[in-house]
N, C-alpha and C. Protein backbone atom coordinates (compact mmCIF):
# COMPACT_ATOMS: atom_id res chain seq x y z
N UNK A 1 10.25 17.28 4.31
CA UNK A 1 10.81 16.72 5.53
C UNK A 1 11.24 17.84 6.44
N UNK A 2 10.92 17.74 7.72
CA UNK A 2 11.22 18.82 8.64
C UNK A 2 11.96 18.30 9.87
N UNK A 3 13.28 18.24 9.80
CA UNK A 3 14.07 17.97 10.99
C UNK A 3 14.12 19.28 11.78
N UNK A 4 13.81 19.21 13.06
CA UNK A 4 13.63 20.45 13.82
C UNK A 4 14.94 21.17 14.07
N UNK A 5 14.82 22.44 14.41
CA UNK A 5 15.95 23.31 14.66
C UNK A 5 16.87 22.75 15.76
N UNK A 6 18.17 22.71 15.46
CA UNK A 6 19.15 22.27 16.44
C UNK A 6 19.26 20.78 16.63
N UNK A 7 18.49 19.99 15.87
CA UNK A 7 18.49 18.54 16.09
C UNK A 7 19.72 17.86 15.51
N UNK A 8 20.21 18.37 14.38
CA UNK A 8 21.40 17.77 13.76
C UNK A 8 22.67 18.39 14.36
N UNK A 9 23.61 17.57 14.79
CA UNK A 9 24.86 18.09 15.35
C UNK A 9 25.83 18.49 14.23
N UNK A 10 26.88 19.23 14.61
CA UNK A 10 27.99 19.50 13.69
C UNK A 10 28.76 18.20 13.48
N UNK A 11 29.29 17.95 12.29
CA UNK A 11 29.29 18.85 11.12
C UNK A 11 28.16 18.57 10.15
N UNK A 12 27.17 17.75 10.56
CA UNK A 12 26.18 17.27 9.61
C UNK A 12 25.28 18.37 9.06
N UNK A 13 24.83 19.29 9.91
CA UNK A 13 23.94 20.31 9.36
C UNK A 13 24.69 21.21 8.39
N UNK A 14 25.99 21.45 8.64
CA UNK A 14 26.78 22.24 7.71
C UNK A 14 27.00 21.51 6.38
N UNK A 15 27.25 20.20 6.49
CA UNK A 15 27.49 19.40 5.27
C UNK A 15 26.29 19.45 4.34
N UNK A 16 25.08 19.30 4.88
CA UNK A 16 23.88 19.31 4.04
C UNK A 16 23.62 20.69 3.44
N UNK A 17 23.98 21.74 4.16
CA UNK A 17 23.90 23.08 3.61
C UNK A 17 24.82 23.21 2.39
N UNK A 18 26.06 22.75 2.55
CA UNK A 18 27.05 22.86 1.47
C UNK A 18 26.61 22.08 0.23
N UNK A 19 26.03 20.91 0.43
CA UNK A 19 25.58 20.09 -0.70
C UNK A 19 24.38 20.73 -1.40
N UNK A 20 23.46 21.28 -0.62
CA UNK A 20 22.19 21.77 -1.17
C UNK A 20 22.30 23.13 -1.85
N UNK A 21 23.16 24.00 -1.35
CA UNK A 21 23.20 25.38 -1.84
C UNK A 21 23.45 25.50 -3.35
N UNK A 22 24.44 24.78 -3.92
CA UNK A 22 24.66 24.93 -5.38
C UNK A 22 23.46 24.49 -6.21
N UNK A 23 22.77 23.46 -5.76
CA UNK A 23 21.60 22.96 -6.49
C UNK A 23 20.47 23.98 -6.44
N UNK A 24 20.28 24.58 -5.27
CA UNK A 24 19.25 25.61 -5.12
C UNK A 24 19.59 26.82 -5.98
N UNK A 25 20.85 27.21 -6.00
CA UNK A 25 21.27 28.35 -6.82
C UNK A 25 20.96 28.10 -8.31
N UNK A 26 21.23 26.88 -8.76
CA UNK A 26 20.90 26.52 -10.14
C UNK A 26 19.39 26.54 -10.35
N UNK A 27 18.64 26.11 -9.34
CA UNK A 27 17.18 26.13 -9.42
C UNK A 27 16.63 27.54 -9.54
N UNK A 28 17.22 28.48 -8.81
CA UNK A 28 16.80 29.89 -8.91
C UNK A 28 17.07 30.42 -10.32
N UNK A 29 18.23 30.05 -10.87
CA UNK A 29 18.57 30.45 -12.24
C UNK A 29 17.55 29.90 -13.24
N UNK A 30 17.22 28.62 -13.09
CA UNK A 30 16.24 27.99 -14.00
C UNK A 30 14.85 28.61 -13.84
N UNK A 31 14.50 28.95 -12.62
CA UNK A 31 13.20 29.57 -12.35
C UNK A 31 13.11 30.93 -13.02
N UNK A 32 14.15 31.73 -12.89
CA UNK A 32 14.17 33.05 -13.53
C UNK A 32 14.10 32.92 -15.05
N UNK A 33 14.81 31.95 -15.58
CA UNK A 33 14.82 31.72 -17.02
C UNK A 33 13.45 31.30 -17.53
N UNK A 34 12.77 30.44 -16.77
CA UNK A 34 11.45 29.96 -17.17
C UNK A 34 10.43 31.09 -17.15
N UNK A 35 10.42 31.89 -16.09
CA UNK A 35 9.43 32.96 -15.98
C UNK A 35 9.67 34.05 -17.02
N UNK A 36 10.90 34.23 -17.44
CA UNK A 36 11.20 35.20 -18.49
C UNK A 36 10.73 34.69 -19.85
N UNK A 37 10.91 33.39 -20.07
CA UNK A 37 10.52 32.78 -21.34
C UNK A 37 9.01 32.58 -21.42
N UNK A 38 8.39 32.19 -20.29
CA UNK A 38 6.96 31.91 -20.25
C UNK A 38 6.31 32.64 -19.07
N UNK A 39 6.04 33.93 -19.19
CA UNK A 39 5.43 34.68 -18.10
C UNK A 39 4.07 34.12 -17.67
N UNK A 40 3.39 33.49 -18.62
CA UNK A 40 2.06 32.95 -18.32
C UNK A 40 2.08 31.78 -17.35
N UNK A 41 3.29 31.28 -17.04
CA UNK A 41 3.40 30.13 -16.15
C UNK A 41 3.42 30.56 -14.67
N UNK A 42 3.53 31.85 -14.41
CA UNK A 42 3.64 32.34 -13.04
C UNK A 42 2.48 31.93 -12.13
N UNK A 43 1.21 32.02 -12.60
CA UNK A 43 0.11 31.57 -11.73
C UNK A 43 0.22 30.09 -11.37
N UNK A 44 0.69 29.27 -12.31
CA UNK A 44 0.86 27.85 -12.03
C UNK A 44 1.97 27.62 -11.02
N UNK A 45 3.06 28.39 -11.13
CA UNK A 45 4.13 28.31 -10.14
C UNK A 45 3.62 28.67 -8.75
N UNK A 46 2.81 29.73 -8.69
CA UNK A 46 2.24 30.15 -7.40
C UNK A 46 1.33 29.07 -6.84
N UNK A 47 0.54 28.44 -7.71
CA UNK A 47 -0.36 27.38 -7.28
C UNK A 47 0.42 26.20 -6.72
N UNK A 48 1.48 25.80 -7.41
CA UNK A 48 2.29 24.68 -6.96
C UNK A 48 2.99 25.01 -5.65
N UNK A 49 3.51 26.24 -5.54
CA UNK A 49 4.15 26.66 -4.30
C UNK A 49 3.19 26.60 -3.12
N UNK A 50 1.96 27.07 -3.34
CA UNK A 50 0.95 27.02 -2.28
C UNK A 50 0.59 25.57 -1.94
N UNK A 51 0.52 24.74 -2.96
CA UNK A 51 0.21 23.32 -2.74
C UNK A 51 1.29 22.67 -1.88
N UNK A 52 2.56 22.90 -2.21
CA UNK A 52 3.66 22.33 -1.43
C UNK A 52 3.63 22.85 0.00
N UNK A 53 3.38 24.14 0.16
CA UNK A 53 3.34 24.75 1.50
C UNK A 53 2.25 24.12 2.36
N UNK A 54 1.05 24.06 1.82
CA UNK A 54 -0.09 23.58 2.60
C UNK A 54 0.02 22.09 2.91
N UNK A 55 0.32 21.30 1.89
CA UNK A 55 0.30 19.85 2.09
C UNK A 55 1.46 19.39 2.97
N UNK A 56 2.60 20.08 2.88
CA UNK A 56 3.74 19.67 3.70
C UNK A 56 3.65 20.21 5.13
N UNK A 57 2.67 21.08 5.38
CA UNK A 57 2.46 21.59 6.74
C UNK A 57 1.54 20.67 7.54
N UNK A 58 0.94 19.70 6.87
CA UNK A 58 0.04 18.76 7.54
C UNK A 58 0.87 17.63 8.13
N UNK A 59 1.34 17.81 9.34
CA UNK A 59 2.29 16.84 9.91
C UNK A 59 1.64 15.91 10.92
N UNK A 60 2.20 14.70 10.96
CA UNK A 60 1.83 13.70 11.95
C UNK A 60 3.07 13.34 12.75
N UNK A 61 2.99 13.23 14.09
CA UNK A 61 4.16 12.85 14.89
C UNK A 61 4.72 11.52 14.43
N UNK A 62 6.06 11.46 14.30
CA UNK A 62 6.68 10.21 13.84
C UNK A 62 7.78 9.77 14.80
N UNK A 63 8.89 10.50 14.83
CA UNK A 63 9.97 10.16 15.75
C UNK A 63 10.44 11.44 16.41
N UNK A 64 11.15 11.34 17.51
CA UNK A 64 11.64 12.51 18.21
C UNK A 64 12.49 13.36 17.29
N UNK A 65 12.13 14.66 17.20
CA UNK A 65 12.89 15.57 16.36
C UNK A 65 12.40 15.66 14.94
N UNK A 66 11.34 14.94 14.61
CA UNK A 66 10.86 14.98 13.24
C UNK A 66 9.38 14.68 13.18
N UNK A 67 8.84 14.56 11.96
CA UNK A 67 7.42 14.29 11.77
C UNK A 67 7.20 13.69 10.41
N UNK A 68 6.03 13.10 10.21
CA UNK A 68 5.64 12.56 8.91
C UNK A 68 4.60 13.48 8.29
N UNK A 69 4.69 13.66 6.99
CA UNK A 69 3.73 14.50 6.29
C UNK A 69 3.90 14.29 4.79
N UNK A 70 2.87 14.63 4.00
CA UNK A 70 3.06 14.65 2.55
C UNK A 70 4.08 15.73 2.20
N UNK A 71 4.60 15.70 0.99
CA UNK A 71 5.62 16.69 0.61
C UNK A 71 5.16 17.64 -0.49
N UNK A 72 4.45 17.13 -1.49
CA UNK A 72 4.00 17.97 -2.59
C UNK A 72 5.05 18.23 -3.65
N UNK A 73 6.30 17.91 -3.34
CA UNK A 73 7.39 18.24 -4.27
C UNK A 73 7.45 17.31 -5.48
N UNK A 74 6.87 16.14 -5.36
CA UNK A 74 6.82 15.24 -6.51
C UNK A 74 5.99 15.84 -7.64
N UNK A 75 4.88 16.47 -7.28
CA UNK A 75 4.02 17.12 -8.26
C UNK A 75 4.76 18.28 -8.93
N UNK A 76 5.46 19.07 -8.12
CA UNK A 76 6.25 20.18 -8.66
C UNK A 76 7.32 19.69 -9.63
N UNK A 77 7.96 18.57 -9.30
CA UNK A 77 9.01 18.03 -10.16
C UNK A 77 8.45 17.58 -11.50
N UNK A 78 7.25 17.01 -11.50
CA UNK A 78 6.63 16.60 -12.76
C UNK A 78 6.38 17.80 -13.66
N UNK A 79 5.94 18.91 -13.07
CA UNK A 79 5.61 20.09 -13.86
C UNK A 79 6.83 20.92 -14.25
N UNK A 80 7.76 21.10 -13.31
CA UNK A 80 8.84 22.06 -13.53
C UNK A 80 10.25 21.48 -13.46
N UNK A 81 10.38 20.22 -13.05
CA UNK A 81 11.69 19.61 -12.95
C UNK A 81 12.30 19.80 -11.57
N UNK A 82 13.33 19.02 -11.23
CA UNK A 82 13.95 19.06 -9.90
C UNK A 82 14.61 20.39 -9.52
N UNK A 83 15.38 21.04 -10.42
CA UNK A 83 16.05 22.28 -9.99
C UNK A 83 15.08 23.36 -9.51
N UNK A 84 14.04 23.64 -10.31
CA UNK A 84 13.06 24.65 -9.92
C UNK A 84 12.33 24.22 -8.65
N UNK A 85 12.07 22.93 -8.53
CA UNK A 85 11.41 22.42 -7.32
C UNK A 85 12.26 22.68 -6.08
N UNK A 86 13.58 22.58 -6.21
CA UNK A 86 14.44 22.86 -5.06
C UNK A 86 14.30 24.31 -4.62
N UNK A 87 14.16 25.23 -5.59
CA UNK A 87 13.98 26.65 -5.26
C UNK A 87 12.64 26.89 -4.59
N UNK A 88 11.59 26.24 -5.09
CA UNK A 88 10.27 26.35 -4.47
C UNK A 88 10.31 25.81 -3.04
N UNK A 89 11.01 24.70 -2.86
CA UNK A 89 11.09 24.07 -1.55
C UNK A 89 11.77 24.97 -0.53
N UNK A 90 12.82 25.69 -0.95
CA UNK A 90 13.50 26.61 -0.04
C UNK A 90 12.53 27.65 0.50
N UNK A 91 11.75 28.25 -0.40
CA UNK A 91 10.79 29.28 0.00
C UNK A 91 9.79 28.70 1.00
N UNK A 92 9.28 27.52 0.69
CA UNK A 92 8.31 26.86 1.56
C UNK A 92 8.90 26.57 2.94
N UNK A 93 10.08 25.96 2.96
CA UNK A 93 10.69 25.56 4.23
C UNK A 93 11.09 26.74 5.09
N UNK A 94 11.55 27.83 4.47
CA UNK A 94 11.90 29.02 5.25
C UNK A 94 10.66 29.61 5.92
N UNK A 95 9.58 29.75 5.17
CA UNK A 95 8.35 30.27 5.74
C UNK A 95 7.81 29.37 6.84
N UNK A 96 7.87 28.05 6.63
CA UNK A 96 7.38 27.13 7.65
C UNK A 96 8.23 27.17 8.91
N UNK A 97 9.55 27.30 8.74
CA UNK A 97 10.44 27.37 9.89
C UNK A 97 10.22 28.65 10.69
N UNK A 98 10.03 29.76 9.99
CA UNK A 98 9.90 31.05 10.67
C UNK A 98 8.49 31.31 11.21
N UNK A 99 7.48 30.86 10.49
CA UNK A 99 6.10 31.17 10.87
C UNK A 99 5.41 30.06 11.63
N UNK A 100 5.80 28.81 11.38
CA UNK A 100 5.10 27.68 11.99
C UNK A 100 5.99 26.87 12.94
N UNK A 101 7.24 27.27 13.09
CA UNK A 101 8.21 26.50 13.89
C UNK A 101 8.25 25.05 13.41
N UNK A 102 8.15 24.90 12.11
CA UNK A 102 8.10 23.58 11.47
C UNK A 102 9.40 23.39 10.71
N UNK A 103 10.34 22.64 11.28
CA UNK A 103 11.68 22.57 10.71
C UNK A 103 12.55 23.64 11.33
N UNK A 104 13.71 23.91 10.73
CA UNK A 104 14.61 24.89 11.31
C UNK A 104 15.51 25.51 10.26
N UNK A 105 16.30 26.50 10.69
CA UNK A 105 17.23 27.17 9.78
C UNK A 105 18.55 26.40 9.68
N UNK A 106 19.09 25.96 10.80
CA UNK A 106 20.33 25.19 10.73
C UNK A 106 20.11 23.87 10.01
N UNK A 107 18.93 23.30 10.16
CA UNK A 107 18.63 22.02 9.50
C UNK A 107 18.02 22.19 8.11
N UNK A 108 17.97 23.45 7.65
CA UNK A 108 17.34 23.72 6.35
C UNK A 108 18.05 22.99 5.22
N UNK A 109 19.37 22.93 5.25
CA UNK A 109 20.10 22.25 4.19
C UNK A 109 19.73 20.78 4.10
N UNK A 110 19.61 20.12 5.25
CA UNK A 110 19.23 18.70 5.26
C UNK A 110 17.80 18.51 4.77
N UNK A 111 16.90 19.40 5.20
CA UNK A 111 15.50 19.30 4.79
C UNK A 111 15.32 19.58 3.30
N UNK A 112 16.09 20.54 2.78
CA UNK A 112 16.05 20.82 1.34
C UNK A 112 16.54 19.60 0.56
N UNK A 113 17.62 18.98 1.03
CA UNK A 113 18.20 17.86 0.30
C UNK A 113 17.22 16.70 0.18
N UNK A 114 16.54 16.37 1.27
CA UNK A 114 15.62 15.22 1.24
C UNK A 114 14.32 15.55 0.52
N UNK A 115 13.71 16.68 0.87
CA UNK A 115 12.39 17.02 0.35
C UNK A 115 12.45 17.76 -0.98
N UNK A 116 13.48 18.58 -1.18
CA UNK A 116 13.53 19.41 -2.36
C UNK A 116 14.49 18.96 -3.44
N UNK A 117 15.29 17.93 -3.17
CA UNK A 117 16.26 17.47 -4.17
C UNK A 117 16.07 15.98 -4.48
N UNK A 118 16.26 15.12 -3.48
CA UNK A 118 16.18 13.68 -3.74
C UNK A 118 14.78 13.27 -4.18
N UNK A 119 13.76 13.65 -3.42
CA UNK A 119 12.38 13.29 -3.78
C UNK A 119 12.01 13.75 -5.18
N UNK A 120 12.24 15.03 -5.52
CA UNK A 120 11.94 15.51 -6.86
C UNK A 120 12.71 14.81 -7.98
N UNK A 121 13.98 14.49 -7.74
CA UNK A 121 14.77 13.78 -8.76
C UNK A 121 14.14 12.42 -9.05
N UNK A 122 13.74 11.71 -8.01
CA UNK A 122 13.10 10.40 -8.18
C UNK A 122 11.78 10.56 -8.93
N UNK A 123 10.98 11.54 -8.53
CA UNK A 123 9.68 11.77 -9.19
C UNK A 123 9.88 12.08 -10.68
N UNK A 124 10.82 12.94 -10.98
CA UNK A 124 11.08 13.35 -12.36
C UNK A 124 11.54 12.16 -13.20
N UNK A 125 12.42 11.34 -12.64
CA UNK A 125 12.93 10.17 -13.37
C UNK A 125 11.80 9.17 -13.67
N UNK A 126 10.96 8.92 -12.67
CA UNK A 126 9.85 7.98 -12.86
C UNK A 126 8.87 8.53 -13.90
N UNK A 127 8.56 9.82 -13.80
CA UNK A 127 7.63 10.43 -14.74
C UNK A 127 8.16 10.35 -16.18
N UNK A 128 9.44 10.62 -16.36
CA UNK A 128 10.02 10.57 -17.70
C UNK A 128 9.98 9.15 -18.26
N UNK A 129 10.18 8.16 -17.41
CA UNK A 129 10.08 6.76 -17.85
C UNK A 129 8.66 6.43 -18.29
N UNK A 130 7.68 6.90 -17.54
CA UNK A 130 6.28 6.63 -17.90
C UNK A 130 5.87 7.37 -19.17
N UNK A 131 6.49 8.51 -19.43
CA UNK A 131 6.17 9.24 -20.65
C UNK A 131 6.56 8.46 -21.91
N UNK A 132 7.48 7.54 -21.75
CA UNK A 132 7.93 6.72 -22.89
C UNK A 132 7.01 5.53 -23.13
N UNK A 133 6.06 5.32 -22.26
CA UNK A 133 5.13 4.21 -22.39
C UNK A 133 3.78 4.72 -22.90
N UNK A 134 2.89 3.79 -23.15
CA UNK A 134 1.53 4.15 -23.56
C UNK A 134 0.54 4.00 -22.41
N UNK A 135 1.06 3.91 -21.21
CA UNK A 135 0.19 3.79 -20.04
C UNK A 135 -0.51 5.10 -19.74
N UNK A 136 -1.62 5.01 -19.04
CA UNK A 136 -2.36 6.19 -18.63
C UNK A 136 -1.45 7.10 -17.80
N UNK A 137 -1.39 8.40 -18.14
CA UNK A 137 -0.53 9.32 -17.38
C UNK A 137 -0.80 9.32 -15.88
N UNK A 138 -2.03 9.03 -15.49
CA UNK A 138 -2.38 9.02 -14.07
C UNK A 138 -1.55 8.00 -13.30
N UNK A 139 -1.22 6.90 -13.94
CA UNK A 139 -0.40 5.87 -13.29
C UNK A 139 1.00 6.42 -13.03
N UNK A 140 1.54 7.12 -14.04
CA UNK A 140 2.86 7.71 -13.89
C UNK A 140 2.88 8.78 -12.81
N UNK A 141 1.85 9.60 -12.75
CA UNK A 141 1.77 10.65 -11.73
C UNK A 141 1.73 10.03 -10.35
N UNK A 142 0.87 9.03 -10.18
CA UNK A 142 0.75 8.37 -8.87
C UNK A 142 2.07 7.76 -8.44
N UNK A 143 2.70 7.02 -9.34
CA UNK A 143 3.96 6.35 -9.01
C UNK A 143 5.05 7.37 -8.68
N UNK A 144 5.14 8.42 -9.48
CA UNK A 144 6.18 9.44 -9.27
C UNK A 144 6.00 10.14 -7.94
N UNK A 145 4.79 10.55 -7.64
CA UNK A 145 4.53 11.31 -6.42
C UNK A 145 4.70 10.43 -5.18
N UNK A 146 4.16 9.22 -5.22
CA UNK A 146 4.26 8.33 -4.07
C UNK A 146 5.72 7.98 -3.78
N UNK A 147 6.50 7.71 -4.81
CA UNK A 147 7.90 7.35 -4.60
C UNK A 147 8.73 8.55 -4.16
N UNK A 148 8.37 9.74 -4.65
CA UNK A 148 9.06 10.95 -4.18
C UNK A 148 8.85 11.13 -2.70
N UNK A 149 7.64 10.90 -2.25
CA UNK A 149 7.31 11.00 -0.83
C UNK A 149 8.13 10.00 -0.02
N UNK A 150 8.13 8.75 -0.45
CA UNK A 150 8.84 7.71 0.30
C UNK A 150 10.35 7.91 0.29
N UNK A 151 10.91 8.27 -0.87
CA UNK A 151 12.37 8.44 -0.93
C UNK A 151 12.82 9.67 -0.14
N UNK A 152 11.94 10.65 0.02
CA UNK A 152 12.25 11.77 0.89
C UNK A 152 12.52 11.27 2.31
N UNK A 153 11.69 10.36 2.77
CA UNK A 153 11.84 9.85 4.13
C UNK A 153 12.94 8.81 4.25
N UNK A 154 13.19 8.10 3.18
CA UNK A 154 14.36 7.20 3.17
C UNK A 154 15.63 8.03 3.33
N UNK A 155 15.68 9.15 2.62
CA UNK A 155 16.84 10.04 2.71
C UNK A 155 16.98 10.62 4.11
N UNK A 156 15.85 11.05 4.68
CA UNK A 156 15.89 11.61 6.02
C UNK A 156 16.34 10.57 7.05
N UNK A 157 15.85 9.35 6.90
CA UNK A 157 16.28 8.28 7.81
C UNK A 157 17.78 8.06 7.69
N UNK A 158 18.30 8.16 6.47
CA UNK A 158 19.74 8.01 6.26
C UNK A 158 20.50 9.17 6.89
N UNK A 159 19.97 10.39 6.73
CA UNK A 159 20.60 11.55 7.34
C UNK A 159 20.68 11.41 8.86
N UNK A 160 19.59 10.95 9.46
CA UNK A 160 19.56 10.78 10.91
C UNK A 160 20.46 9.61 11.33
N UNK A 161 20.53 8.58 10.48
CA UNK A 161 21.40 7.45 10.77
C UNK A 161 22.87 7.86 10.77
N UNK A 162 23.24 8.75 9.84
CA UNK A 162 24.60 9.25 9.80
C UNK A 162 24.93 10.07 11.05
N UNK A 163 23.96 10.88 11.48
CA UNK A 163 24.18 11.77 12.61
C UNK A 163 24.12 11.03 13.95
N UNK A 164 23.30 9.98 14.01
CA UNK A 164 23.11 9.27 15.27
C UNK A 164 23.22 7.75 15.06
N UNK A 165 24.40 7.25 14.73
CA UNK A 165 24.58 5.80 14.50
C UNK A 165 24.34 5.01 15.79
N UNK A 166 23.67 3.87 15.63
CA UNK A 166 23.40 3.00 16.77
C UNK A 166 24.58 2.06 16.97
N UNK A 167 25.26 2.20 18.11
CA UNK A 167 26.46 1.39 18.40
C UNK A 167 27.47 1.46 17.26
N UNK A 168 27.57 2.65 16.65
CA UNK A 168 28.53 2.85 15.57
C UNK A 168 28.04 2.39 14.21
N UNK A 169 26.83 1.87 14.13
CA UNK A 169 26.31 1.35 12.86
C UNK A 169 25.29 2.32 12.26
N UNK A 170 25.63 2.89 11.10
CA UNK A 170 24.72 3.79 10.40
C UNK A 170 23.52 3.02 9.86
N UNK A 171 23.76 1.82 9.33
CA UNK A 171 22.68 1.04 8.73
C UNK A 171 21.65 0.61 9.76
N UNK A 172 22.11 0.24 10.95
CA UNK A 172 21.17 -0.14 12.01
C UNK A 172 20.31 1.05 12.41
N UNK A 173 20.95 2.19 12.55
CA UNK A 173 20.21 3.40 12.90
C UNK A 173 19.23 3.78 11.79
N UNK A 174 19.69 3.69 10.53
CA UNK A 174 18.82 3.98 9.39
C UNK A 174 17.58 3.09 9.41
N UNK A 175 17.78 1.79 9.63
CA UNK A 175 16.67 0.85 9.66
C UNK A 175 15.68 1.17 10.76
N UNK A 176 16.19 1.59 11.91
CA UNK A 176 15.31 1.94 13.03
C UNK A 176 14.46 3.17 12.71
N UNK A 177 15.11 4.20 12.19
CA UNK A 177 14.38 5.42 11.86
C UNK A 177 13.33 5.18 10.78
N UNK A 178 13.73 4.48 9.71
CA UNK A 178 12.77 4.30 8.61
C UNK A 178 11.64 3.36 8.98
N UNK A 179 11.90 2.38 9.83
CA UNK A 179 10.83 1.47 10.25
C UNK A 179 9.73 2.25 10.98
N UNK A 180 10.14 3.25 11.76
CA UNK A 180 9.15 4.07 12.46
C UNK A 180 8.44 4.99 11.48
N UNK A 181 9.18 5.58 10.57
CA UNK A 181 8.58 6.45 9.56
C UNK A 181 7.55 5.72 8.71
N UNK A 182 7.88 4.49 8.34
CA UNK A 182 7.05 3.74 7.39
C UNK A 182 5.62 3.56 7.87
N UNK A 183 5.43 3.50 9.18
CA UNK A 183 4.09 3.28 9.74
C UNK A 183 3.12 4.36 9.27
N UNK A 184 3.59 5.60 9.26
CA UNK A 184 2.73 6.70 8.83
C UNK A 184 2.98 7.11 7.38
N UNK A 185 4.21 6.93 6.89
CA UNK A 185 4.56 7.50 5.59
C UNK A 185 4.03 6.71 4.41
N UNK A 186 3.94 5.41 4.52
CA UNK A 186 3.43 4.63 3.39
C UNK A 186 1.98 5.00 3.06
N UNK A 187 1.06 5.02 4.04
CA UNK A 187 -0.30 5.46 3.70
C UNK A 187 -0.36 6.92 3.27
N UNK A 188 0.50 7.78 3.82
CA UNK A 188 0.53 9.18 3.40
C UNK A 188 0.98 9.30 1.94
N UNK A 189 1.96 8.50 1.54
CA UNK A 189 2.45 8.53 0.17
C UNK A 189 1.35 8.11 -0.81
N UNK A 190 0.60 7.09 -0.43
CA UNK A 190 -0.51 6.63 -1.28
C UNK A 190 -1.58 7.71 -1.40
N UNK A 191 -1.92 8.34 -0.27
CA UNK A 191 -2.94 9.38 -0.27
C UNK A 191 -2.49 10.59 -1.10
N UNK A 192 -1.22 10.96 -0.95
CA UNK A 192 -0.70 12.09 -1.73
C UNK A 192 -0.71 11.78 -3.22
N UNK A 193 -0.37 10.54 -3.57
CA UNK A 193 -0.39 10.14 -4.97
C UNK A 193 -1.78 10.25 -5.57
N UNK A 194 -2.78 9.80 -4.85
CA UNK A 194 -4.17 9.84 -5.34
C UNK A 194 -4.66 11.29 -5.47
N UNK A 195 -4.36 12.12 -4.46
CA UNK A 195 -4.76 13.53 -4.52
C UNK A 195 -4.11 14.24 -5.71
N UNK A 196 -2.85 13.96 -5.93
CA UNK A 196 -2.12 14.63 -7.01
C UNK A 196 -2.66 14.21 -8.38
N UNK A 197 -3.07 12.97 -8.50
CA UNK A 197 -3.68 12.51 -9.76
C UNK A 197 -4.92 13.34 -10.09
N UNK A 198 -5.75 13.60 -9.08
CA UNK A 198 -6.96 14.41 -9.29
C UNK A 198 -6.60 15.82 -9.76
N UNK A 199 -5.60 16.43 -9.12
CA UNK A 199 -5.19 17.79 -9.48
C UNK A 199 -4.57 17.80 -10.88
N UNK A 200 -3.75 16.80 -11.16
CA UNK A 200 -3.11 16.71 -12.47
C UNK A 200 -4.15 16.56 -13.58
N UNK A 201 -5.14 15.74 -13.37
CA UNK A 201 -6.19 15.55 -14.37
C UNK A 201 -6.97 16.84 -14.59
N UNK A 202 -7.19 17.60 -13.51
CA UNK A 202 -7.87 18.89 -13.63
C UNK A 202 -7.04 19.85 -14.48
N UNK A 203 -5.75 19.93 -14.20
CA UNK A 203 -4.87 20.82 -14.96
C UNK A 203 -4.76 20.37 -16.42
N UNK A 204 -4.75 19.06 -16.63
CA UNK A 204 -4.65 18.54 -17.99
C UNK A 204 -5.86 18.95 -18.83
N UNK A 205 -6.99 19.11 -18.15
CA UNK A 205 -8.22 19.46 -18.85
C UNK A 205 -8.32 20.97 -19.11
N UNK A 206 -7.92 21.77 -18.12
CA UNK A 206 -8.13 23.22 -18.22
C UNK A 206 -6.87 24.03 -18.52
N UNK A 207 -5.69 23.43 -18.34
CA UNK A 207 -4.43 24.11 -18.62
C UNK A 207 -3.55 23.26 -19.53
N UNK A 208 -4.19 22.63 -20.48
CA UNK A 208 -3.50 21.68 -21.35
C UNK A 208 -2.37 22.34 -22.13
N UNK A 209 -2.61 23.53 -22.67
CA UNK A 209 -1.61 24.18 -23.52
C UNK A 209 -0.34 24.50 -22.75
N UNK A 210 -0.49 24.95 -21.50
CA UNK A 210 0.70 25.27 -20.69
C UNK A 210 1.48 24.00 -20.38
N UNK A 211 0.77 22.94 -20.04
CA UNK A 211 1.44 21.67 -19.73
C UNK A 211 2.16 21.13 -20.96
N UNK A 212 1.60 21.34 -22.13
CA UNK A 212 2.26 20.92 -23.35
C UNK A 212 3.54 21.72 -23.60
N UNK A 213 3.48 23.01 -23.36
CA UNK A 213 4.67 23.86 -23.54
C UNK A 213 5.76 23.52 -22.53
N UNK A 214 5.35 23.08 -21.35
CA UNK A 214 6.32 22.67 -20.34
C UNK A 214 6.89 21.29 -20.61
N UNK A 215 6.31 20.58 -21.58
CA UNK A 215 6.77 19.24 -21.92
C UNK A 215 6.19 18.16 -21.02
N UNK A 216 5.19 18.53 -20.23
CA UNK A 216 4.56 17.56 -19.32
C UNK A 216 3.60 16.67 -20.10
N UNK A 217 2.84 17.27 -21.00
CA UNK A 217 1.94 16.52 -21.87
C UNK A 217 2.48 16.56 -23.29
N UNK A 218 2.27 15.47 -23.99
CA UNK A 218 2.74 15.40 -25.38
C UNK A 218 1.81 16.22 -26.27
N UNK A 219 2.42 16.93 -27.24
CA UNK A 219 1.64 17.70 -28.21
C UNK A 219 1.13 16.75 -29.29
N UNK A 220 -0.19 16.73 -29.54
CA UNK A 220 -0.71 15.85 -30.58
C UNK A 220 -0.05 16.11 -31.93
N UNK A 221 0.04 15.07 -32.75
CA UNK A 221 0.69 15.17 -34.06
C UNK A 221 0.02 16.25 -34.91
N UNK A 222 -1.31 16.36 -34.87
CA UNK A 222 -2.02 17.35 -35.66
C UNK A 222 -1.58 18.77 -35.27
N UNK A 223 -1.40 19.00 -33.98
CA UNK A 223 -0.97 20.32 -33.51
C UNK A 223 0.45 20.62 -33.97
N UNK A 224 1.31 19.61 -33.98
CA UNK A 224 2.68 19.81 -34.43
C UNK A 224 2.69 20.20 -35.91
N UNK A 225 1.84 19.54 -36.69
CA UNK A 225 1.79 19.83 -38.11
C UNK A 225 1.33 21.26 -38.35
N UNK A 226 0.37 21.73 -37.52
CA UNK A 226 -0.13 23.09 -37.66
C UNK A 226 0.97 24.09 -37.31
N UNK A 227 1.78 23.76 -36.26
CA UNK A 227 2.86 24.65 -35.86
C UNK A 227 3.90 24.78 -36.97
N UNK A 228 4.19 23.65 -37.65
CA UNK A 228 5.16 23.66 -38.74
C UNK A 228 4.66 24.55 -39.88
N UNK A 229 3.35 24.46 -40.18
CA UNK A 229 2.77 25.28 -41.25
C UNK A 229 2.79 26.76 -40.88
């Protein structure tokens, strides 16, 4: 999510910075811990970071001061969890703000919260629920990614509703913002879900061992028995 520079008034942009910073700091800690424990995961981290950067830069005009676009963070959350995804999102959003004038620095806290925290938490929760079922993993990936995309924009609509209440009503303003977002965001969420399923299936085939070590894919019982021996 990219709320443009200077669009959020005080104290809202400061509030979102304060909320997001501790989570990002924890994400940086988790990222450092993961790369130290599993150095072989670095290329996958780079791939996911590039995926989030590229896909979230594909924007469609939505409402004044913002835009609709895929996020890519749902996929990152499935692979690495929400904290690390928040750290990846910071890197992506800073580069986009500085190089593409896409989003802003004062609004970075709000954009991190919606795109790098709320969306990934929802994706991770949905994915973990699907892991407990016997359903095809592709269904879980699609549901997690699509809902991460949509909840990112639900959060953004709420953020804008808080900052710009209609006749004093936050809920009315929220409904107005999200109704406009939904026109473009629902089909984008579906498209992102389908694309991510294709990428996930590719990784499952060629990077199965890494995904198993990350806990994304279940280790077959035969492999567990061999590890015990």
